């Protein structure tokens, strides 16, 4: 996916629209921009995937909804998918990820509604289903 970022669309994290050079840190998914105003870095989902699942990092935790930023799930293998489940195992949302080490969840169910306050299980699995990892997140609905 090709993305365009400006000072306005990046909420000021890109400090100038006059970009002179670009460098990418593939391990972190950070894109650095050399601009006429100085250096800026934007984190993207383009981080290199893990070779195998370890512990998932799910943040922010707790997650307050509604929110303008999604939950980040870090520690994925290439082409992982995510399932968000209630604590008793009911499916809340099934999500594809961008393909790298990081995936996202917006705190919504399959119908696009904000989920209720509670503890949710995050299950990540490889495209062939042979590898699985999991984590938990607390959601607080304001």
Protein backbone atom coordinates (compact mmCIF):
# COMPACT_ATOMS: atom_id res chain seq x y z
CA UNK A 1 0.00 0.00 0.00
CA UNK A 2 1.41 3.36 -1.01
CA UNK A 3 0.77 6.15 1.46
CA UNK A 4 1.16 9.88 1.10
CA UNK A 5 2.12 11.88 4.19
CA UNK A 6 2.11 15.63 4.65
CA UNK A 7 2.54 17.89 7.66
CA UNK A 8 -1.26 18.01 7.90
CA UNK A 9 -1.99 14.28 7.42
CA UNK A 10 0.76 13.25 9.88
CA UNK A 11 -0.57 15.57 12.62
CA UNK A 12 2.68 17.53 12.57
CA UNK A 13 5.00 14.51 12.92
CA UNK A 14 6.37 15.33 9.45
CA UNK A 15 7.80 18.79 10.09
CA UNK A 16 7.91 20.02 6.49
CA UNK A 17 6.45 19.04 3.13
CA UNK A 18 9.85 19.78 1.50
CA UNK A 19 11.47 16.32 1.72
CA UNK A 20 15.12 16.14 0.61
CA UNK A 21 15.97 12.52 1.52
CA UNK A 22 14.33 9.36 2.86
CA UNK A 23 15.78 6.42 4.83
CA UNK A 24 13.95 3.34 6.13
CA UNK A 25 14.67 1.22 9.22
CA UNK A 26 13.05 -2.10 8.17
CA UNK A 27 13.46 -3.68 11.62
CA UNK A 28 11.31 -0.99 13.27
CA UNK A 29 9.21 0.11 10.30
CA UNK A 30 10.33 3.71 10.79
CA UNK A 31 10.72 6.00 7.80
CA UNK A 32 13.07 8.95 8.35
CA UNK A 33 12.61 12.11 6.32
CA UNK A 34 15.33 14.71 5.86
CA UNK A 35 13.47 17.97 5.27
CA UNK A 36 14.40 21.61 4.85
CA UNK A 37 13.27 22.04 8.51
CA UNK A 38 15.19 19.06 9.96
CA UNK A 39 14.83 15.31 10.51
CA UNK A 40 11.46 13.63 11.13
CA UNK A 41 10.53 9.98 11.65
CA UNK A 42 7.19 8.27 11.03
CA UNK A 43 6.42 4.77 12.23
CA UNK A 44 4.71 2.57 9.64
CA UNK A 45 3.40 -1.01 9.62
CA UNK A 46 6.22 -1.92 7.21
CA UNK A 47 8.45 -3.48 9.89
CA UNK A 48 10.19 -6.71 8.89
CA UNK A 49 8.20 -9.71 10.18
CA UNK A 50 9.52 -12.05 12.86
CA UNK A 51 10.93 -15.41 11.71
CA UNK A 52 8.72 -17.15 14.28
CA UNK A 53 6.19 -16.13 16.89
CA UNK A 54 7.40 -15.13 20.31
CA UNK A 55 5.53 -12.98 22.78
CA UNK A 56 3.04 -10.53 21.27
CA UNK A 57 3.24 -6.92 22.38
CA UNK A 58 -0.27 -5.42 22.42
CA UNK A 59 -0.55 -1.69 23.12
CA UNK A 60 -1.78 0.69 24.35
CA UNK A 61 -3.03 -1.48 27.16
CA UNK A 62 -5.54 -0.58 28.50
CA UNK A 63 -7.11 0.73 25.31
CA UNK A 64 -9.61 3.57 25.69
CA UNK A 65 -12.45 3.77 23.15
CA UNK A 66 -13.54 5.60 21.20
CA UNK A 67 -10.02 6.39 20.01
CA UNK A 68 -8.37 8.04 17.02
CA UNK A 69 -5.51 5.52 17.00
CA UNK A 70 -5.75 1.72 16.81
CA UNK A 71 -4.40 -1.02 19.04
CA UNK A 72 -0.99 -2.15 17.78
CA UNK A 73 -0.06 -5.84 17.82
CA UNK A 74 3.71 -6.28 17.45
CA UNK A 75 5.63 -9.54 17.00
CA UNK A 76 3.86 -11.05 13.98
CA UNK A 77 5.28 -13.45 11.40
CA UNK A 78 4.90 -12.76 7.68
CA UNK A 79 1.28 -12.55 6.45
CA UNK A 80 -0.27 -13.16 9.87
CA UNK A 81 -3.95 -12.77 10.62
CA UNK A 82 -5.52 -11.65 13.89
CA UNK A 83 -8.59 -12.80 15.74
CA UNK A 84 -10.03 -10.78 18.57
CA UNK A 85 -12.02 -12.91 21.02
CA UNK A 86 -14.00 -12.29 24.18
CA UNK A 87 -12.61 -13.88 27.33
CA UNK A 88 -15.10 -16.75 26.87
CA UNK A 89 -13.92 -17.36 23.28
CA UNK A 90 -16.62 -15.66 21.18
CA UNK A 91 -15.28 -14.14 17.95
CA UNK A 92 -15.33 -10.33 17.97
CA UNK A 93 -13.30 -9.56 14.83
CA UNK A 94 -11.21 -11.38 12.22
CA UNK A 95 -8.48 -9.18 10.72
CA UNK A 96 -5.87 -9.38 7.98
CA UNK A 97 -2.59 -7.62 8.74
CA UNK A 98 -0.38 -5.54 6.43
CA UNK A 99 2.00 -8.53 6.13
CA UNK A 100 4.89 -7.43 8.34
CA UNK A 101 5.64 -7.55 12.06
CA UNK A 102 2.80 -5.21 13.08
CA UNK A 103 -0.99 -5.44 12.87
CA UNK A 104 -3.81 -3.20 14.05
CA UNK A 105 -7.28 -3.36 15.60
CA UNK A 106 -9.59 -0.35 15.87
CA UNK A 107 -11.57 -1.60 18.90
CA UNK A 108 -14.61 -2.45 16.79
CA UNK A 109 -16.53 -5.67 16.24
CA UNK A 110 -17.48 -7.25 12.88
CA UNK A 111 -20.47 -4.86 12.61
CA UNK A 112 -18.26 -1.77 13.05
CA UNK A 113 -19.46 -1.02 16.58
CA UNK A 114 -17.13 -0.14 19.47
CA UNK A 115 -16.73 -3.17 21.73
CA UNK A 116 -17.78 -3.14 25.37
CA UNK A 117 -15.36 -2.65 28.25
CA UNK A 118 -13.62 -5.90 29.16
CA UNK A 119 -10.66 -8.16 28.62
CA UNK A 120 -10.11 -9.42 25.07
CA UNK A 121 -7.85 -12.14 23.72
CA UNK A 122 -5.69 -11.36 20.69
CA UNK A 123 -4.78 -14.46 18.69
CA UNK A 124 -2.27 -14.18 15.83
CA UNK A 125 -1.77 -17.04 13.40
CA UNK A 126 0.41 -17.64 10.35
CA UNK A 127 -1.11 -17.90 6.88
CA UNK A 128 -0.80 -21.71 6.95
CA UNK A 129 -2.20 -21.92 10.49
CA UNK A 130 0.85 -23.83 11.75
CA UNK A 131 2.06 -21.08 14.12
CA UNK A 132 0.00 -19.27 16.74
CA UNK A 133 0.68 -16.61 19.38
CA UNK A 134 -1.65 -14.79 21.74
CA UNK A 135 -1.95 -11.80 24.02
CA UNK A 136 -4.57 -9.95 26.06
CA UNK A 137 -5.86 -6.41 26.10
CA UNK A 138 -8.10 -4.51 28.47
CA UNK A 139 -10.61 -2.23 26.75
CA UNK A 140 -12.25 0.65 28.59
CA UNK A 141 -15.22 2.24 26.87
CA UNK A 142 -15.66 5.88 27.88
